[in-house]
C-alpha atoms as a PDB file:
ATOM      1  CA  MET A   1       0.000   0.000   0.000  1.00  0.00           C
ATOM      2  CA  LYS A   2       1.763   3.130  -1.222  1.00  0.00           C
ATOM      3  CA  LEU A   3       1.177   6.172   0.976  1.00  0.00           C
ATOM      4  CA  ASN A   4       0.564   9.676  -0.312  1.00  0.00           C
ATOM      5  CA  THR A   5       3.729  11.728   0.102  1.00  0.00           C
ATOM      6  CA  VAL A   6       1.574  14.778   0.841  1.00  0.00           C
ATOM      7  CA  ASN A   7      -0.669  13.435   3.599  1.00  0.00           C
ATOM      8  CA  VAL A   8       1.030  10.970   5.928  1.00  0.00           C
ATOM      9  CA  SER A   9       0.834  12.412   9.419  1.00  0.00           C
ATOM     10  CA  PHE A  10      -1.499  10.678  11.870  1.00  0.00           C
ATOM     11  CA  ALA A  11      -1.421  10.417  15.650  1.00  0.00           C
ATOM     12  CA  LEU A  12      -0.426   7.035  17.110  1.00  0.00           C
ATOM     13  CA  THR A  13       0.845   5.367  20.243  1.00  0.00           C
ATOM     14  CA  LEU A  14       4.388   4.009  20.150  1.00  0.00           C
ATOM     15  CA  PHE A  15       5.069   0.502  21.298  1.00  0.00           C
ATOM     16  CA  ALA A  16       8.418  -0.860  20.139  1.00  0.00           C
ATOM     17  CA  GLY A  17       9.108  -4.590  19.909  1.00  0.00           C
ATOM     18  CA  SER A  18      12.439  -6.328  20.361  1.00  0.00           C
ATOM     19  CA  ALA A  19      13.896  -9.384  18.653  1.00  0.00           C
ATOM     20  CA  LEU A  20      15.778 -12.258  20.157  1.00  0.00           C
ATOM     21  CA  ALA A  21      19.234 -13.039  18.825  1.00  0.00           C
ATOM     22  CA  GLY A  22      19.470 -15.306  15.804  1.00  0.00           C
ATOM     23  CA  ALA A  23      16.522 -16.885  14.072  1.00  0.00           C
ATOM     24  CA  THR A  24      14.597 -18.076  17.133  1.00  0.00           C
ATOM     25  CA  TYR A  25      11.631 -16.049  18.353  1.00  0.00           C
ATOM     26  CA  THR A  26       9.028 -16.284  21.123  1.00  0.00           C
ATOM     27  CA  LEU A  27       5.280 -15.725  20.715  1.00  0.00           C
ATOM     28  CA  THR A  28       4.315 -12.364  22.244  1.00  0.00           C
ATOM     29  CA  GLU A  29       0.858 -11.763  20.706  1.00  0.00           C
ATOM     30  CA  SER A  30      -1.793 -14.135  19.391  1.00  0.00           C
ATOM     31  CA  ILE A  31      -4.695 -12.220  17.869  1.00  0.00           C
ATOM     32  CA  VAL A  32      -7.812 -14.310  17.257  1.00  0.00           C
ATOM     33  CA  GLY A  33     -11.501 -13.532  16.690  1.00  0.00           C
ATOM     34  CA  GLU A  34     -12.781 -10.814  19.037  1.00  0.00           C
ATOM     35  CA  GLY A  35      -9.157 -10.121  19.954  1.00  0.00           C
ATOM     36  CA  PHE A  36      -8.806  -8.138  16.726  1.00  0.00           C
ATOM     37  CA  TYR A  37     -10.997  -5.429  18.272  1.00  0.00           C
ATOM     38  CA  ASP A  38      -8.622  -5.165  21.234  1.00  0.00           C
ATOM     39  CA  SER A  39      -5.426  -5.244  19.181  1.00  0.00           C
ATOM     40  CA  PHE A  40      -6.405  -2.928  16.310  1.00  0.00           C
ATOM     41  CA  ASN A  41      -8.082   0.443  15.919  1.00  0.00           C
ATOM     42  CA  PHE A  42     -10.347   1.336  13.005  1.00  0.00           C
ATOM     43  CA  GLU A  43      -8.980   4.299  11.061  1.00  0.00           C
ATOM     44  CA  ALA A  44     -11.897   6.413   9.857  1.00  0.00           C
ATOM     45  CA  ILE A  45      -9.571   8.685   7.897  1.00  0.00           C
ATOM     46  CA  PRO A  46      -9.440  10.139   4.384  1.00  0.00           C
ATOM     47  CA  ASP A  47      -7.732   7.560   2.207  1.00  0.00           C
ATOM     48  CA  PRO A  48      -4.035   8.541   1.922  1.00  0.00           C
ATOM     49  CA  THR A  49      -4.045   7.082  -1.618  1.00  0.00           C
ATOM     50  CA  ASP A  50      -7.130   9.053  -2.732  1.00  0.00           C
ATOM     51  CA  GLY A  51      -9.142   5.916  -3.472  1.00  0.00           C
ATOM     52  CA  ARG A  52     -12.877   5.711  -4.179  1.00  0.00           C
ATOM     53  CA  VAL A  53     -13.466   4.685  -0.582  1.00  0.00           C
ATOM     54  CA  THR A  54     -14.847   5.875   2.745  1.00  0.00           C
ATOM     55  CA  TYR A  55     -13.168   4.282   5.740  1.00  0.00           C
ATOM     56  CA  VAL A  56     -15.598   3.919   8.653  1.00  0.00           C
ATOM     57  CA  ASN A  57     -15.019   3.587  12.397  1.00  0.00           C
ATOM     58  CA  GLN A  58     -15.534   0.388  14.362  1.00  0.00           C
ATOM     59  CA  SER A  59     -19.056   1.069  15.557  1.00  0.00           C
ATOM     60  CA  THR A  60     -20.207   1.989  12.046  1.00  0.00           C
ATOM     61  CA  ALA A  61     -18.450  -1.044  10.572  1.00  0.00           C
ATOM     62  CA  GLN A  62     -20.170  -3.339  13.057  1.00  0.00           C
ATOM     63  CA  MET A  63     -23.558  -1.700  12.540  1.00  0.00           C
ATOM     64  CA  LEU A  64     -23.241  -2.111   8.749  1.00  0.00           C
ATOM     65  CA  ASN A  65     -21.900  -5.663   9.099  1.00  0.00           C
ATOM     66  CA  LEU A  66     -18.606  -4.630   7.499  1.00  0.00           C
ATOM     67  CA  THR A  67     -16.829  -6.420  10.330  1.00  0.00           C
ATOM     68  CA  TYR A  68     -17.704  -9.237  12.698  1.00  0.00           C
ATOM     69  CA  ALA A  69     -15.910 -11.863  14.736  1.00  0.00           C
ATOM     70  CA  MET A  70     -16.770 -15.209  16.251  1.00  0.00           C
ATOM     71  CA  GLY A  71     -14.609 -18.079  17.429  1.00  0.00           C
ATOM     72  CA  ASN A  72     -11.396 -18.028  15.458  1.00  0.00           C
ATOM     73  CA  THR A  73     -12.844 -15.950  12.623  1.00  0.00           C
ATOM     74  CA  PHE A  74     -12.413 -12.226  11.989  1.00  0.00           C
ATOM     75  CA  ILE A  75     -14.031 -10.591   8.941  1.00  0.00           C
ATOM     76  CA  MET A  76     -13.546  -7.110   7.480  1.00  0.00           C
ATOM     77  CA  ARG A  77     -15.190  -6.182   4.205  1.00  0.00           C
ATOM     78  CA  ALA A  78     -16.477  -3.473   1.898  1.00  0.00           C
ATOM     79  CA  ASP A  79     -20.084  -2.452   1.313  1.00  0.00           C
ATOM     80  CA  ASP A  80     -21.720  -4.602  -1.389  1.00  0.00           C
ATOM     81  CA  THR A  81     -25.252  -3.193  -1.487  1.00  0.00           C
ATOM     82  CA  THR A  82     -25.034   0.548  -2.215  1.00  0.00           C
ATOM     83  CA  VAL A  83     -25.045   2.192  -5.649  1.00  0.00           C
ATOM     84  CA  LEU A  84     -22.904   5.292  -5.235  1.00  0.00           C
ATOM     85  CA  ASN A  85     -23.623   8.817  -6.402  1.00  0.00           C
ATOM     86  CA  ALA A  86     -20.811   9.937  -8.714  1.00  0.00           C
ATOM     87  CA  THR A  87     -20.406  13.179  -6.740  1.00  0.00           C
ATOM     88  CA  GLY A  88     -20.842  11.575  -3.320  1.00  0.00           C
ATOM     89  CA  PRO A  89     -18.466   9.740  -0.981  1.00  0.00           C
ATOM     90  CA  GLY A  90     -16.701   6.500  -1.908  1.00  0.00           C
ATOM     91  CA  ARG A  91     -17.636   2.924  -1.080  1.00  0.00           C
ATOM     92  CA  ASN A  92     -17.650   2.131   2.633  1.00  0.00           C
ATOM     93  CA  SER A  93     -14.749  -0.051   3.681  1.00  0.00           C
ATOM     94  CA  VAL A  94     -12.447  -0.779   6.600  1.00  0.00           C
ATOM     95  CA  ARG A  95      -8.856   0.103   7.457  1.00  0.00           C
ATOM     96  CA  ILE A  96      -7.363  -1.171  10.718  1.00  0.00           C
ATOM     97  CA  ARG A  97      -4.019  -0.393  12.383  1.00  0.00           C
ATOM     98  CA  SER A  98      -2.397  -2.328  15.205  1.00  0.00           C
ATOM     99  CA  ASN A  99      -2.181  -0.623  18.582  1.00  0.00           C
ATOM    100  CA  ASN A 100       1.340  -1.974  19.012  1.00  0.00           C
ATOM    101  CA  GLN A 101       4.389  -1.199  16.923  1.00  0.00           C
ATOM    102  CA  TYR A 102       7.244  -3.514  16.054  1.00  0.00           C
ATOM    103  CA  THR A 103      10.899  -3.324  15.116  1.00  0.00           C
ATOM    104  CA  GLN A 104      12.723  -6.653  14.703  1.00  0.00           C
ATOM    105  CA  HIS A 105      10.050  -9.357  14.742  1.00  0.00           C
ATOM    106  CA  VAL A 106       8.190 -12.084  12.885  1.00  0.00           C
ATOM    107  CA  VAL A 107       4.480 -11.917  12.091  1.00  0.00           C
ATOM    108  CA  VAL A 108       2.398 -14.825  10.757  1.00  0.00           C
ATOM    109  CA  PHE A 109      -1.014 -14.227   9.157  1.00  0.00           C
ATOM    110  CA  ASP A 110      -3.393 -17.193   8.927  1.00  0.00           C
ATOM    111  CA  MET A 111      -5.710 -15.904   6.213  1.00  0.00           C
ATOM    112  CA  GLN A 112      -8.665 -17.810   4.783  1.00  0.00           C
ATOM    113  CA  HIS A 113      -9.779 -15.208   2.231  1.00  0.00           C
ATOM    114  CA  MET A 114      -8.715 -11.867   0.772  1.00  0.00           C
ATOM    115  CA  PRO A 115     -10.740  -9.270  -1.166  1.00  0.00           C
ATOM    116  CA  GLU A 116     -11.219  -9.858  -4.881  1.00  0.00           C
ATOM    117  CA  GLY A 117     -12.898  -7.954  -7.682  1.00  0.00           C
ATOM    118  CA  CYS A 118     -12.196  -5.356 -10.351  1.00  0.00           C
ATOM    119  CA  GLY A 119     -11.261  -2.037  -8.794  1.00  0.00           C
ATOM    120  CA  THR A 120     -10.141  -3.577  -5.487  1.00  0.00           C
ATOM    121  CA  TRP A 121      -6.769  -2.840  -3.901  1.00  0.00           C
ATOM    122  CA  PRO A 122      -6.320  -4.928  -0.730  1.00  0.00           C
ATOM    123  CA  ALA A 123      -3.142  -4.727   1.336  1.00  0.00           C
ATOM    124  CA  VAL A 124      -1.556  -6.228   4.447  1.00  0.00           C
ATOM    125  CA  TRP A 125       1.452  -4.146   5.353  1.00  0.00           C
ATOM    126  CA  GLU A 126       3.534  -2.382   7.995  1.00  0.00           C
ATOM    127  CA  THR A 127       4.572   1.251   8.303  1.00  0.00           C
ATOM    128  CA  ASN A 128       4.788   4.199  10.659  1.00  0.00           C
ATOM    129  CA  GLU A 129       2.169   6.594   9.290  1.00  0.00           C
ATOM    130  CA  ALA A 130       3.576   9.531  11.261  1.00  0.00           C
ATOM    131  CA  ASN A 131       7.085   9.072   9.846  1.00  0.00           C
ATOM    132  CA  TRP A 132       6.528   7.886   6.283  1.00  0.00           C
ATOM    133  CA  PRO A 133       8.630   7.311   4.246  1.00  0.00           C
ATOM    134  CA  ASP A 134      11.540   7.804   6.663  1.00  0.00           C
ATOM    135  CA  GLY A 135      10.235   5.030   8.924  1.00  0.00           C
ATOM    136  CA  GLY A 136       9.930   2.591   6.029  1.00  0.00           C
ATOM    137  CA  GLU A 137       7.117   0.420   4.701  1.00  0.00           C
ATOM    138  CA  VAL A 138       6.841  -3.327   4.135  1.00  0.00           C
ATOM    139  CA  ASP A 139       4.015  -4.460   1.858  1.00  0.00           C
ATOM    140  CA  ILE A 140       3.466  -8.127   2.650  1.00  0.00           C
ATOM    141  CA  VAL A 141       0.285  -8.753   0.652  1.00  0.00           C
ATOM    142  CA  GLU A 142      -0.728  -6.357  -2.109  1.00  0.00           C
ATOM    143  CA  GLY A 143      -2.297  -6.354  -5.541  1.00  0.00           C
ATOM    144  CA  VAL A 144      -5.078  -4.850  -7.644  1.00  0.00           C
ATOM    145  CA  ASN A 145      -7.953  -5.907  -9.881  1.00  0.00           C
ATOM    146  CA  ASN A 146      -7.561  -9.668  -9.275  1.00  0.00           C
ATOM    147  CA  VAL A 147      -4.164  -9.647 -11.013  1.00  0.00           C
ATOM    148  CA  GLU A 148      -2.069 -12.535  -9.727  1.00  0.00           C
ATOM    149  CA  PRO A 149       0.430 -13.186  -8.177  1.00  0.00           C
ATOM    150  CA  ASN A 150       1.006 -11.253  -4.968  1.00  0.00           C
ATOM    151  CA  GLN A 151       3.704  -8.572  -4.847  1.00  0.00           C
ATOM    152  CA  SER A 152       5.766  -7.832  -1.720  1.00  0.00           C
ATOM    153  CA  THR A 153       7.469  -4.437  -1.755  1.00  0.00           C
ATOM    154  CA  LEU A 154       9.556  -2.059   0.361  1.00  0.00           C
ATOM    155  CA  HIS A 155       9.135   1.738   0.262  1.00  0.00           C
ATOM    156  CA  THR A 156      11.746   3.917   1.966  1.00  0.00           C
ATOM    157  CA  SER A 157      13.539   7.240   2.078  1.00  0.00           C
ATOM    158  CA  PRO A 158      16.476   7.712  -0.373  1.00  0.00           C
ATOM    159  CA  ASN A 159      19.631   5.580  -0.512  1.00  0.00           C
ATOM    160  CA  CYS A 160      18.020   2.164  -0.212  1.00  0.00           C
ATOM    161  CA  SER A 161      18.045  -0.365  -3.024  1.00  0.00           C
ATOM    162  CA  MET A 162      18.056  -4.132  -3.501  1.00  0.00           C
ATOM    163  CA  PRO A 163      20.218  -6.458  -5.593  1.00  0.00           C
ATOM    164  CA  ALA A 164      18.742  -7.477  -8.937  1.00  0.00           C
ATOM    165  CA  SER A 165      19.228 -11.106  -7.962  1.00  0.00           C
ATOM    166  CA  THR A 166      18.876 -12.636  -4.497  1.00  0.00           C
ATOM    167  CA  THR A 167      18.090 -16.015  -2.950  1.00  0.00           C
ATOM    168  CA  GLU A 168      14.296 -16.009  -3.205  1.00  0.00           C
ATOM    169  CA  LEU A 169      11.531 -18.005  -4.850  1.00  0.00           C
ATOM    170  CA  GLY A 170       9.853 -14.990  -6.413  1.00  0.00           C
ATOM    171  CA  THR A 171      10.965 -12.582  -9.138  1.00  0.00           C
ATOM    172  CA  THR A 172      12.464  -9.149  -8.447  1.00  0.00           C
ATOM    173  CA  VAL A 173      10.642  -6.574 -10.574  1.00  0.00           C
ATOM    174  CA  SER A 174      12.132  -3.333  -9.222  1.00  0.00           C
ATOM    175  CA  THR A 175      15.197  -2.561  -7.119  1.00  0.00           C
ATOM    176  CA  ASP A 176      15.055   1.091  -5.973  1.00  0.00           C
ATOM    177  CA  CYS A 177      13.116   1.329  -2.702  1.00  0.00           C
ATOM    178  CA  ASP A 178      13.189   5.157  -2.660  1.00  0.00           C
ATOM    179  CA  SER A 179       9.583   6.404  -2.582  1.00  0.00           C
ATOM    180  CA  SER A 180      10.537   9.629  -4.388  1.00  0.00           C
ATOM    181  CA  VAL A 181      11.520   7.909  -7.654  1.00  0.00           C
ATOM    182  CA  ASP A 182       9.739   5.799 -10.272  1.00  0.00           C
ATOM    183  CA  GLY A 183       6.314   6.948  -9.096  1.00  0.00           C
ATOM    184  CA  ASN A 184       6.898   5.342  -5.690  1.00  0.00           C
ATOM    185  CA  ALA A 185       7.104   1.883  -7.232  1.00  0.00           C
ATOM    186  CA  GLY A 186       9.423   0.741  -4.448  1.00  0.00           C
ATOM    187  CA  CYS A 187      11.587  -2.374  -4.630  1.00  0.00           C
ATOM    188  CA  GLY A 188       9.204  -5.192  -5.376  1.00  0.00           C
ATOM    189  CA  VAL A 189       9.146  -8.962  -5.691  1.00  0.00           C
ATOM    190  CA  GLN A 190       6.338 -10.816  -7.439  1.00  0.00           C
ATOM    191  CA  LEU A 191       5.569 -14.247  -5.998  1.00  0.00           C
ATOM    192  CA  THR A 192       5.770 -15.880  -9.418  1.00  0.00           C
ATOM    193  CA  GLU A 193       6.486 -19.268  -7.858  1.00  0.00           C
ATOM    194  CA  ASP A 194       2.828 -19.449  -6.795  1.00  0.00           C
ATOM    195  CA  TYR A 195       0.031 -17.619  -8.612  1.00  0.00           C
ATOM    196  CA  ASN A 196      -2.343 -18.746  -5.866  1.00  0.00           C
ATOM    197  CA  SER A 197      -0.642 -16.210  -3.602  1.00  0.00           C
ATOM    198  CA  PHE A 198      -3.233 -13.516  -4.416  1.00  0.00           C
ATOM    199  CA  GLY A 199      -6.856 -12.875  -5.325  1.00  0.00           C
ATOM    200  CA  PRO A 200      -9.232 -15.515  -6.706  1.00  0.00           C
ATOM    201  CA  GLY A 201      -6.486 -18.132  -6.822  1.00  0.00           C
ATOM    202  CA  PHE A 202      -5.727 -17.636  -3.144  1.00  0.00           C
ATOM    203  CA  ASN A 203      -9.400 -17.852  -2.236  1.00  0.00           C
ATOM    204  CA  SER A 204      -9.978 -20.968  -4.336  1.00  0.00           C
ATOM    205  CA  ILE A 205      -7.517 -22.968  -2.213  1.00  0.00           C
ATOM    206  CA  GLY A 206      -8.822 -21.762   1.150  1.00  0.00           C
ATOM    207  CA  GLY A 207      -6.012 -19.258   1.551  1.00  0.00           C
ATOM    208  CA  GLY A 208      -2.894 -19.992   3.507  1.00  0.00           C
ATOM    209  CA  TRP A 209      -0.207 -18.423   5.655  1.00  0.00           C
ATOM    210  CA  TYR A 210       1.893 -15.334   5.058  1.00  0.00           C
ATOM    211  CA  ALA A 211       4.893 -14.676   7.287  1.00  0.00           C
ATOM    212  CA  MET A 212       7.280 -11.742   7.429  1.00  0.00           C
ATOM    213  CA  GLU A 213      10.565 -11.571   9.324  1.00  0.00           C
ATOM    214  CA  ARG A 214      12.220  -8.201   9.846  1.00  0.00           C
ATOM    215  CA  THR A 215      15.782  -7.907  11.170  1.00  0.00           C
ATOM    216  CA  ASN A 216      18.526  -5.332  10.681  1.00  0.00           C
ATOM    217  CA  SER A 217      20.203  -7.616   8.158  1.00  0.00           C
ATOM    218  CA  SER A 218      17.215  -8.584   6.005  1.00  0.00           C
ATOM    219  CA  ILE A 219      13.445  -8.601   5.513  1.00  0.00           C
ATOM    220  CA  SER A 220      11.873 -11.867   4.315  1.00  0.00           C
ATOM    221  CA  VAL A 221       8.371 -12.879   3.237  1.00  0.00           C
ATOM    222  CA  TRP A 222       7.109 -16.475   3.009  1.00  0.00           C
ATOM    223  CA  PHE A 223       3.834 -17.873   1.664  1.00  0.00           C
ATOM    224  CA  TRP A 224       2.437 -21.375   2.165  1.00  0.00           C
ATOM    225  CA  GLU A 225      -0.825 -22.617   0.672  1.00  0.00           C
ATOM    226  CA  ARG A 226      -3.461 -24.089   2.971  1.00  0.00           C
ATOM    227  CA  ASN A 227      -2.668 -27.692   2.009  1.00  0.00           C
ATOM    228  CA  ASP A 228       1.104 -27.301   1.594  1.00  0.00           C
ATOM    229  CA  GLU A 229       2.607 -30.323   3.331  1.00  0.00           C
ATOM    230  CA  THR A 230       6.017 -28.633   3.393  1.00  0.00           C
ATOM    231  CA  ALA A 231       4.808 -25.655   5.441  1.00  0.00           C
ATOM    232  CA  PRO A 232       6.812 -25.422   8.700  1.00  0.00           C
ATOM    233  CA  ILE A 233       4.725 -26.718  11.575  1.00  0.00           C
ATOM    234  CA  ASP A 234       5.898 -24.053  14.017  1.00  0.00           C
ATOM    235  CA  ALA A 235       4.759 -21.283  11.662  1.00  0.00           C
ATOM    236  CA  ILE A 236       1.314 -22.664  10.863  1.00  0.00           C
ATOM    237  CA  SER A 237       0.451 -24.044  14.321  1.00  0.00           C
ATOM    238  CA  GLY A 238       1.060 -20.856  16.310  1.00  0.00           C
ATOM    239  CA  ALA A 239       3.882 -22.499  18.269  1.00  0.00           C
ATOM    240  CA  GLY A 240       5.254 -20.692  21.303  1.00  0.00           C
ATOM    241  CA  ILE A 241       8.763 -20.691  19.822  1.00  0.00           C
ATOM    242  CA  ILE A 242       9.663 -20.556  16.125  1.00  0.00           C
ATOM    243  CA  ASP A 243      12.916 -20.938  14.206  1.00  0.00           C
ATOM    244  CA  THR A 244      12.901 -19.135  10.851  1.00  0.00           C
ATOM    245  CA  SER A 245      16.201 -20.737   9.827  1.00  0.00           C
ATOM    246  CA  LEU A 246      14.161 -23.898   9.210  1.00  0.00           C
ATOM    247  CA  TRP A 247      11.561 -22.251   6.992  1.00  0.00           C
ATOM    248  CA  GLY A 248      13.421 -22.594   3.708  1.00  0.00           C
ATOM    249  CA  THR A 249      13.992 -20.051   0.956  1.00  0.00           C
ATOM    250  CA  PRO A 250      11.635 -17.063   1.302  1.00  0.00           C
ATOM    251  CA  ALA A 251       9.297 -16.009  -1.483  1.00  0.00           C
ATOM    252  CA  ALA A 252      10.708 -12.465  -1.256  1.00  0.00           C
ATOM    253  CA  TYR A 253      14.064 -11.523   0.242  1.00  0.00           C
ATOM    254  CA  PHE A 254      15.345  -8.004   0.882  1.00  0.00           C
ATOM    255  CA  PRO A 255      18.952  -8.005   2.209  1.00  0.00           C
ATOM    256  CA  ASN A 256      20.866  -5.040   3.623  1.00  0.00           C
ATOM    257  CA  THR A 257      23.489  -5.264   0.842  1.00  0.00           C
ATOM    258  CA  TYR A 258      22.733  -1.785  -0.506  1.00  0.00           C
ATOM    259  CA  CYS A 259      20.383  -0.556   2.218  1.00  0.00           C
ATOM    260  CA  ASP A 260      20.947   0.140   5.896  1.00  0.00           C
ATOM    261  CA  LEU A 261      17.683  -1.363   7.088  1.00  0.00           C
ATOM    262  CA  ALA A 262      18.260  -0.251  10.687  1.00  0.00           C
ATOM    263  CA  SER A 263      18.230   3.432   9.680  1.00  0.00           C
ATOM    264  CA  HIS A 264      15.509   3.147   7.009  1.00  0.00           C
ATOM    265  CA  PHE A 265      12.948   1.348   9.196  1.00  0.00           C
ATOM    266  CA  ASP A 266      11.678   2.355  12.625  1.00  0.00           C
ATOM    267  CA  ALA A 267       8.877   0.948  14.811  1.00  0.00           C
ATOM    268  CA  ASN A 268       5.992   0.092  12.459  1.00  0.00           C
ATOM    269  CA  ASN A 269       2.311  -0.746  12.870  1.00  0.00           C
ATOM    270  CA  ILE A 270       0.508  -3.561  11.072  1.00  0.00           C
ATOM    271  CA  ILE A 271      -2.127  -2.121   8.721  1.00  0.00           C
ATOM    272  CA  ILE A 272      -4.834  -4.043   6.858  1.00  0.00           C
ATOM    273  CA  ASN A 273      -7.103  -2.217   4.433  1.00  0.00           C
ATOM    274  CA  LEU A 274      -9.196  -2.367   1.289  1.00  0.00           C
ATOM    275  CA  THR A 275      -9.432   0.637  -1.007  1.00  0.00           C
ATOM    276  CA  PHE A 276     -10.748   1.098  -4.551  1.00  0.00           C
ATOM    277  CA  CYS A 277      -9.589   2.899  -7.692  1.00  0.00           C
ATOM    278  CA  GLU A 278      -6.714   4.786  -6.136  1.00  0.00           C
ATOM    279  CA  SER A 279      -5.972   7.816  -8.287  1.00  0.00           C
ATOM    280  CA  CYS A 280      -2.961   9.452  -6.668  1.00  0.00           C
ATOM    281  CA  PRO A 281       0.044   9.767  -9.023  1.00  0.00           C
ATOM    282  CA  ALA A 282       2.398  10.434  -6.092  1.00  0.00           C
ATOM    283  CA  CYS A 283       1.269   7.141  -4.534  1.00  0.00           C
ATOM    284  CA  GLY A 284       2.072   5.067  -7.596  1.00  0.00           C
ATOM    285  CA  ASP A 285      -1.344   5.434  -9.331  1.00  0.00           C
ATOM    286  CA  TRP A 286      -1.872   1.682  -9.408  1.00  0.00           C
ATOM    287  CA  ALA A 287      -5.439   0.397  -9.038  1.00  0.00           C
ATOM    288  CA  GLY A 288      -7.012   3.506 -10.549  1.00  0.00           C
ATOM    289  CA  ASN A 289      -4.587   3.828 -13.452  1.00  0.00           C
ATOM    290  CA  ALA A 290      -6.676   3.537 -16.629  1.00  0.00           C
ATOM    291  CA  ALA A 291      -4.100   1.429 -18.468  1.00  0.00           C
ATOM    292  CA  VAL A 292      -3.599  -0.922 -15.511  1.00  0.00           C
ATOM    293  CA  TYR A 293      -7.351  -1.279 -15.026  1.00  0.00           C
ATOM    294  CA  ALA A 294      -7.980  -2.021 -18.701  1.00  0.00           C
ATOM    295  CA  ALA A 295      -5.055  -4.456 -18.897  1.00  0.00           C
ATOM    296  CA  SER A 296      -6.602  -6.367 -16.005  1.00  0.00           C
ATOM    297  CA  GLY A 297      -9.568  -7.238 -18.227  1.00  0.00           C
ATOM    298  CA  CYS A 298     -11.962  -5.174 -16.137  1.00  0.00           C
ATOM    299  CA  PRO A 299     -15.057  -3.511 -17.668  1.00  0.00           C
ATOM    300  CA  SER A 300     -15.931   0.174 -18.033  1.00  0.00           C
ATOM    301  CA  ASP A 301     -13.645   2.522 -16.092  1.00  0.00           C
ATOM    302  CA  CYS A 302     -12.657   1.872 -12.494  1.00  0.00           C
ATOM    303  CA  ILE A 303     -14.669   4.564 -10.714  1.00  0.00           C
ATOM    304  CA  THR A 304     -17.841   4.033 -12.755  1.00  0.00           C
ATOM    305  CA  TYR A 305     -17.625   0.293 -12.159  1.00  0.00           C
ATOM    306  CA  VAL A 306     -17.110   0.653  -8.414  1.00  0.00           C
ATOM    307  CA  ASP A 307     -19.913   3.219  -8.129  1.00  0.00           C
ATOM    308  CA  SER A 308     -22.465   1.235 -10.109  1.00  0.00           C
ATOM    309  CA  ASN A 309     -21.890  -2.430  -9.259  1.00  0.00           C
ATOM    310  CA  PRO A 310     -22.091  -3.078  -5.513  1.00  0.00           C
ATOM    311  CA  ALA A 311     -22.876  -6.776  -6.000  1.00  0.00           C
ATOM    312  CA  ALA A 312     -19.468  -7.157  -7.651  1.00  0.00           C
ATOM    313  CA  PHE A 313     -17.923  -6.769  -4.190  1.00  0.00           C
ATOM    314  CA  THR A 314     -19.646  -9.621  -2.390  1.00  0.00           C
ATOM    315  CA  ASP A 315     -16.252 -11.344  -2.260  1.00  0.00           C
ATOM    316  CA  ALA A 316     -14.331  -8.200  -1.326  1.00  0.00           C
ATOM    317  CA  TYR A 317     -13.504  -9.260   2.217  1.00  0.00           C
ATOM    318  CA  PHE A 318     -10.649 -10.399   4.442  1.00  0.00           C
ATOM    319  CA  GLN A 319     -11.076 -13.446   6.662  1.00  0.00           C
ATOM    320  CA  PHE A 320      -8.379 -14.110   9.250  1.00  0.00           C
ATOM    321  CA  SER A 321      -8.068 -17.049  11.619  1.00  0.00           C
ATOM    322  CA  SER A 322      -5.187 -15.450  13.511  1.00  0.00           C
ATOM    323  CA  ILE A 323      -2.245 -13.097  13.517  1.00  0.00           C
ATOM    324  CA  ASN A 324       0.716 -14.256  15.611  1.00  0.00           C
ATOM    325  CA  VAL A 325       3.582 -11.911  16.455  1.00  0.00           C
ATOM    326  CA  TYR A 326       6.979 -13.140  17.634  1.00  0.00           C
ATOM    327  CA  THR A 327       9.871 -11.137  19.077  1.00  0.00           C
END
């Protein structure tokens, strides 16, 4: 999720995490079901990427059934019933931000479903909104318009780049992480080893697990499908202690070869959101870009489609079983 370089300052509470030495970490937070309401706040803010969206607060989201929780299930979704007025506000949706912040850590997302549909731009990511881009940004899950596979990306202040070739399963598509160049494309890796890592493909297999490890020497992202027999048991079971050195080659790998990660990333929050038809050139102009939208095989133009076809967003929802954080 690329932030707007003009509007990035929001109030937040700092809560820095700490990592154990090496690749072994201890479970410090297990967020399940109703626990999402205790661990996250709902950001009813103007969309920093100028999307065709209205983010609502928790009470409104619950009243409109845009979020609910029971057992080990947490849902957050967009409105799928309202035809929008072209001059009125955007489609109601949800954006949540963790109350805690993290530095060196591992986070594992057990996700059953992610939003799909033309015009959608879902993201699971970490940043410090009050210090962007200087505090860094890690996009763990991100994509638009049902286009597979997933892309994991870093966005930073200047003087941070990645090697063109690293030890990863995915494919590096851009190497300059500096948010002020290349339309804030960032340094991205597409998870080309598994096209079920995003959108309809992901949902068709019952989802899976995303994990991200952040240290001062590297940032890594892994993805395992729901029925992947090679998935590490400690990662997918919510074990009290995990060892990332046993997890195999990551899908995306961002080493500190040409980037001092310690100075480019500070304490970040986890953010999960769904926007539509972003139209902010300074933010990368991705989902709402006319050429990108058309190339995705989507009908009409993005804003008209989102305004006029609420039923197209019945499947525009996140479903999480848990988020486990290790430090």
